[in-house]
Amino acid sequence: MRSFSINARLTRLEAIVPTLATREDLARLDGRLTERMTSLEGKLTTLVHQELKAMSWRLITWNTGVLVASFAGVFFIARHVS
């Protein structure tokens, strides 16, 4: 096991202490992160709603086309096939 003198330990500790975050630093960071997350959540919600709306209209259009084509096919078969 390595043995360090108290002066060496104190010197290492004094070198590290200025790089540590304070409670105020963490509180500011938390506030900024909360604002950013709220902003991104709003943007994501808007984007998801837009995409769901677009997808719904595509699905409605496709279903309507299939229904019309099916009806036309049945009508043609009933009318022209004896």
N, C-alpha and C. Protein backbone atom coordinates (compact mmCIF):
# COMPACT_ATOMS: atom_id res chain seq x y z
N MET A 1 0.85 -1.17 0.00
CA MET A 1 0.00 0.00 0.00
C MET A 1 0.89 1.23 0.00
N ARG A 2 0.53 2.20 -0.81
CA ARG A 2 1.33 3.42 -0.90
C ARG A 2 1.03 4.33 0.27
N SER A 3 2.05 4.95 0.74
CA SER A 3 1.89 5.85 1.87
C SER A 3 2.10 7.28 1.38
N PHE A 4 1.11 8.12 1.57
CA PHE A 4 1.20 9.52 1.18
C PHE A 4 1.33 10.38 2.42
N SER A 5 2.10 11.41 2.30
CA SER A 5 2.20 12.34 3.43
C SER A 5 0.96 13.22 3.44
N ILE A 6 0.69 13.81 4.55
CA ILE A 6 -0.46 14.68 4.69
C ILE A 6 -0.36 15.87 3.75
N ASN A 7 0.85 16.37 3.53
CA ASN A 7 1.03 17.51 2.61
C ASN A 7 0.71 17.12 1.18
N ALA A 8 1.09 15.92 0.77
CA ALA A 8 0.79 15.46 -0.58
C ALA A 8 -0.72 15.29 -0.76
N ARG A 9 -1.37 14.72 0.24
CA ARG A 9 -2.83 14.56 0.17
C ARG A 9 -3.53 15.91 0.12
N LEU A 10 -3.07 16.83 0.96
CA LEU A 10 -3.66 18.16 0.99
C LEU A 10 -3.46 18.89 -0.33
N THR A 11 -2.30 18.76 -0.93
CA THR A 11 -2.02 19.38 -2.22
C THR A 11 -2.94 18.82 -3.30
N ARG A 12 -3.13 17.49 -3.32
CA ARG A 12 -4.04 16.87 -4.29
C ARG A 12 -5.47 17.35 -4.08
N LEU A 13 -5.88 17.42 -2.84
CA LEU A 13 -7.24 17.87 -2.53
C LEU A 13 -7.44 19.32 -2.93
N GLU A 14 -6.49 20.17 -2.67
CA GLU A 14 -6.59 21.58 -3.05
C GLU A 14 -6.62 21.75 -4.56
N ALA A 15 -6.00 20.86 -5.29
CA ALA A 15 -6.03 20.92 -6.75
C ALA A 15 -7.40 20.51 -7.30
N ILE A 16 -8.07 19.63 -6.59
CA ILE A 16 -9.36 19.11 -7.06
C ILE A 16 -10.52 20.02 -6.68
N VAL A 17 -10.49 20.63 -5.54
CA VAL A 17 -11.61 21.40 -5.01
C VAL A 17 -12.13 22.47 -5.96
N PRO A 18 -11.29 23.27 -6.64
CA PRO A 18 -11.85 24.30 -7.53
C PRO A 18 -12.65 23.75 -8.71
N THR A 19 -12.44 22.50 -9.07
CA THR A 19 -13.15 21.93 -10.22
C THR A 19 -14.50 21.34 -9.83
N LEU A 20 -14.81 21.23 -8.55
CA LEU A 20 -16.08 20.66 -8.11
C LEU A 20 -17.21 21.67 -8.26
N ALA A 21 -18.40 21.16 -8.59
CA ALA A 21 -19.56 22.03 -8.75
C ALA A 21 -20.16 22.36 -7.39
N THR A 22 -20.70 23.57 -7.30
CA THR A 22 -21.37 23.98 -6.06
C THR A 22 -22.86 23.69 -6.19
N ARG A 23 -23.57 23.83 -5.10
CA ARG A 23 -25.02 23.62 -5.13
C ARG A 23 -25.69 24.62 -6.08
N GLU A 24 -25.18 25.85 -6.10
CA GLU A 24 -25.75 26.86 -6.98
C GLU A 24 -25.53 26.48 -8.45
N ASP A 25 -24.35 25.96 -8.76
CA ASP A 25 -24.07 25.50 -10.13
C ASP A 25 -25.05 24.41 -10.54
N LEU A 26 -25.26 23.47 -9.64
CA LEU A 26 -26.18 22.37 -9.94
C LEU A 26 -27.62 22.86 -10.06
N ALA A 27 -28.00 23.83 -9.24
CA ALA A 27 -29.37 24.37 -9.32
C ALA A 27 -29.57 25.09 -10.65
N ARG A 28 -28.57 25.87 -11.09
CA ARG A 28 -28.68 26.55 -12.39
C ARG A 28 -28.76 25.54 -13.53
N LEU A 29 -27.93 24.52 -13.45
CA LEU A 29 -27.93 23.49 -14.48
C LEU A 29 -29.28 22.77 -14.51
N ASP A 30 -29.83 22.48 -13.35
CA ASP A 30 -31.13 21.82 -13.28
C ASP A 30 -32.21 22.70 -13.91
N GLY A 31 -32.17 23.99 -13.63
CA GLY A 31 -33.15 24.91 -14.22
C GLY A 31 -33.04 24.96 -15.73
N ARG A 32 -31.82 25.03 -16.25
CA ARG A 32 -31.63 25.07 -17.70
C ARG A 32 -32.08 23.77 -18.35
N LEU A 33 -31.77 22.65 -17.71
CA LEU A 33 -32.19 21.36 -18.26
C LEU A 33 -33.70 21.22 -18.26
N THR A 34 -34.34 21.70 -17.20
CA THR A 34 -35.80 21.63 -17.13
C THR A 34 -36.43 22.47 -18.24
N GLU A 35 -35.93 23.68 -18.47
CA GLU A 35 -36.44 24.52 -19.55
C GLU A 35 -36.26 23.85 -20.90
N ARG A 36 -35.08 23.29 -21.12
CA ARG A 36 -34.78 22.65 -22.41
C ARG A 36 -35.67 21.44 -22.63
N MET A 37 -35.86 20.63 -21.60
CA MET A 37 -36.70 19.44 -21.73
C MET A 37 -38.16 19.83 -22.00
N THR A 38 -38.64 20.87 -21.35
CA THR A 38 -40.00 21.33 -21.58
C THR A 38 -40.17 21.79 -23.02
N SER A 39 -39.18 22.53 -23.52
CA SER A 39 -39.22 23.00 -24.90
C SER A 39 -39.22 21.83 -25.88
N LEU A 40 -38.34 20.87 -25.65
CA LEU A 40 -38.26 19.71 -26.55
C LEU A 40 -39.51 18.86 -26.47
N GLU A 41 -40.10 18.76 -25.29
CA GLU A 41 -41.33 17.99 -25.14
C GLU A 41 -42.46 18.61 -25.95
N GLY A 42 -42.56 19.94 -25.91
CA GLY A 42 -43.58 20.62 -26.70
C GLY A 42 -43.39 20.43 -28.19
N LYS A 43 -42.13 20.53 -28.64
CA LYS A 43 -41.85 20.34 -30.07
C LYS A 43 -42.15 18.91 -30.51
N LEU A 44 -41.77 17.95 -29.66
CA LEU A 44 -42.01 16.54 -29.99
C LEU A 44 -43.50 16.23 -30.04
N THR A 45 -44.26 16.77 -29.10
CA THR A 45 -45.70 16.55 -29.08
C THR A 45 -46.34 17.10 -30.36
N THR A 46 -45.93 18.30 -30.76
CA THR A 46 -46.45 18.90 -31.98
C THR A 46 -46.11 18.05 -33.20
N LEU A 47 -44.87 17.59 -33.27
CA LEU A 47 -44.43 16.78 -34.42
C LEU A 47 -45.19 15.47 -34.48
N VAL A 48 -45.38 14.82 -33.35
CA VAL A 48 -46.10 13.54 -33.33
C VAL A 48 -47.55 13.75 -33.77
N HIS A 49 -48.18 14.82 -33.32
CA HIS A 49 -49.57 15.08 -33.72
C HIS A 49 -49.67 15.34 -35.22
N GLN A 50 -48.72 16.09 -35.77
CA GLN A 50 -48.73 16.36 -37.21
C GLN A 50 -48.58 15.07 -38.01
N GLU A 51 -47.65 14.22 -37.59
CA GLU A 51 -47.42 12.97 -38.31
C GLU A 51 -48.61 12.02 -38.20
N LEU A 52 -49.22 11.95 -37.02
CA LEU A 52 -50.41 11.10 -36.87
C LEU A 52 -51.56 11.59 -37.74
N LYS A 53 -51.72 12.90 -37.83
CA LYS A 53 -52.77 13.47 -38.67
C LYS A 53 -52.52 13.13 -40.13
N ALA A 54 -51.27 13.28 -40.59
CA ALA A 54 -50.93 12.97 -41.97
C ALA A 54 -51.13 11.48 -42.26
N MET A 55 -50.72 10.64 -41.32
CA MET A 55 -50.87 9.20 -41.51
C MET A 55 -52.34 8.81 -41.53
N SER A 56 -53.16 9.45 -40.70
CA SER A 56 -54.58 9.14 -40.68
C SER A 56 -55.23 9.46 -42.02
N TRP A 57 -54.88 10.62 -42.58
CA TRP A 57 -55.46 10.99 -43.88
C TRP A 57 -55.00 10.06 -44.99
N ARG A 58 -53.73 9.61 -44.94
CA ARG A 58 -53.26 8.64 -45.93
C ARG A 58 -54.04 7.34 -45.82
N LEU A 59 -54.27 6.90 -44.58
CA LEU A 59 -55.00 5.65 -44.36
C LEU A 59 -56.45 5.79 -44.82
N ILE A 60 -57.09 6.91 -44.54
CA ILE A 60 -58.47 7.14 -44.98
C ILE A 60 -58.54 7.15 -46.51
N THR A 61 -57.60 7.82 -47.14
CA THR A 61 -57.57 7.88 -48.62
C THR A 61 -57.38 6.50 -49.21
N TRP A 62 -56.44 5.72 -48.68
CA TRP A 62 -56.18 4.38 -49.20
C TRP A 62 -57.41 3.49 -49.02
N ASN A 63 -58.02 3.53 -47.84
CA ASN A 63 -59.21 2.70 -47.59
C ASN A 63 -60.36 3.08 -48.52
N THR A 64 -60.53 4.38 -48.74
CA THR A 64 -61.59 4.83 -49.65
C THR A 64 -61.33 4.33 -51.07
N GLY A 65 -60.07 4.40 -51.51
CA GLY A 65 -59.73 3.91 -52.85
C GLY A 65 -59.99 2.42 -52.99
N VAL A 66 -59.62 1.65 -52.00
CA VAL A 66 -59.84 0.20 -52.04
C VAL A 66 -61.34 -0.10 -52.04
N LEU A 67 -62.09 0.63 -51.24
CA LEU A 67 -63.54 0.42 -51.19
C LEU A 67 -64.20 0.73 -52.53
N VAL A 68 -63.80 1.83 -53.14
CA VAL A 68 -64.36 2.20 -54.45
C VAL A 68 -63.99 1.18 -55.51
N ALA A 69 -62.72 0.74 -55.51
CA ALA A 69 -62.29 -0.25 -56.50
C ALA A 69 -63.03 -1.58 -56.29
N SER A 70 -63.22 -1.97 -55.05
CA SER A 70 -63.96 -3.21 -54.77
C SER A 70 -65.41 -3.11 -55.22
N PHE A 71 -66.02 -1.99 -54.92
CA PHE A 71 -67.41 -1.79 -55.33
C PHE A 71 -67.52 -1.80 -56.86
N ALA A 72 -66.57 -1.14 -57.53
CA ALA A 72 -66.61 -1.12 -59.00
C ALA A 72 -66.41 -2.52 -59.56
N GLY A 73 -65.53 -3.29 -58.95
CA GLY A 73 -65.32 -4.67 -59.43
C GLY A 73 -66.56 -5.52 -59.25
N VAL A 74 -67.17 -5.43 -58.10
CA VAL A 74 -68.40 -6.21 -57.85
C VAL A 74 -69.50 -5.76 -58.80
N PHE A 75 -69.64 -4.47 -58.99
CA PHE A 75 -70.67 -3.93 -59.89
C PHE A 75 -70.44 -4.43 -61.32
N PHE A 76 -69.18 -4.41 -61.79
CA PHE A 76 -68.87 -4.86 -63.14
C PHE A 76 -69.19 -6.33 -63.29
N ILE A 77 -68.78 -7.14 -62.30
CA ILE A 77 -69.04 -8.59 -62.38
C ILE A 77 -70.55 -8.85 -62.36
N ALA A 78 -71.29 -8.16 -61.52
CA ALA A 78 -72.74 -8.39 -61.44
C ALA A 78 -73.44 -7.93 -62.71
N ARG A 79 -72.93 -6.92 -63.34
CA ARG A 79 -73.58 -6.34 -64.50
C ARG A 79 -73.26 -7.06 -65.81
N HIS A 80 -71.98 -7.48 -65.95
CA HIS A 80 -71.54 -7.98 -67.25
C HIS A 80 -71.28 -9.48 -67.30
N VAL A 81 -71.21 -10.14 -66.22
CA VAL A 81 -70.97 -11.58 -66.23
C VAL A 81 -72.30 -12.27 -66.03
N SER A 82 -72.58 -13.20 -66.96
CA SER A 82 -73.88 -13.87 -66.84
C SER A 82 -73.75 -15.24 -66.29
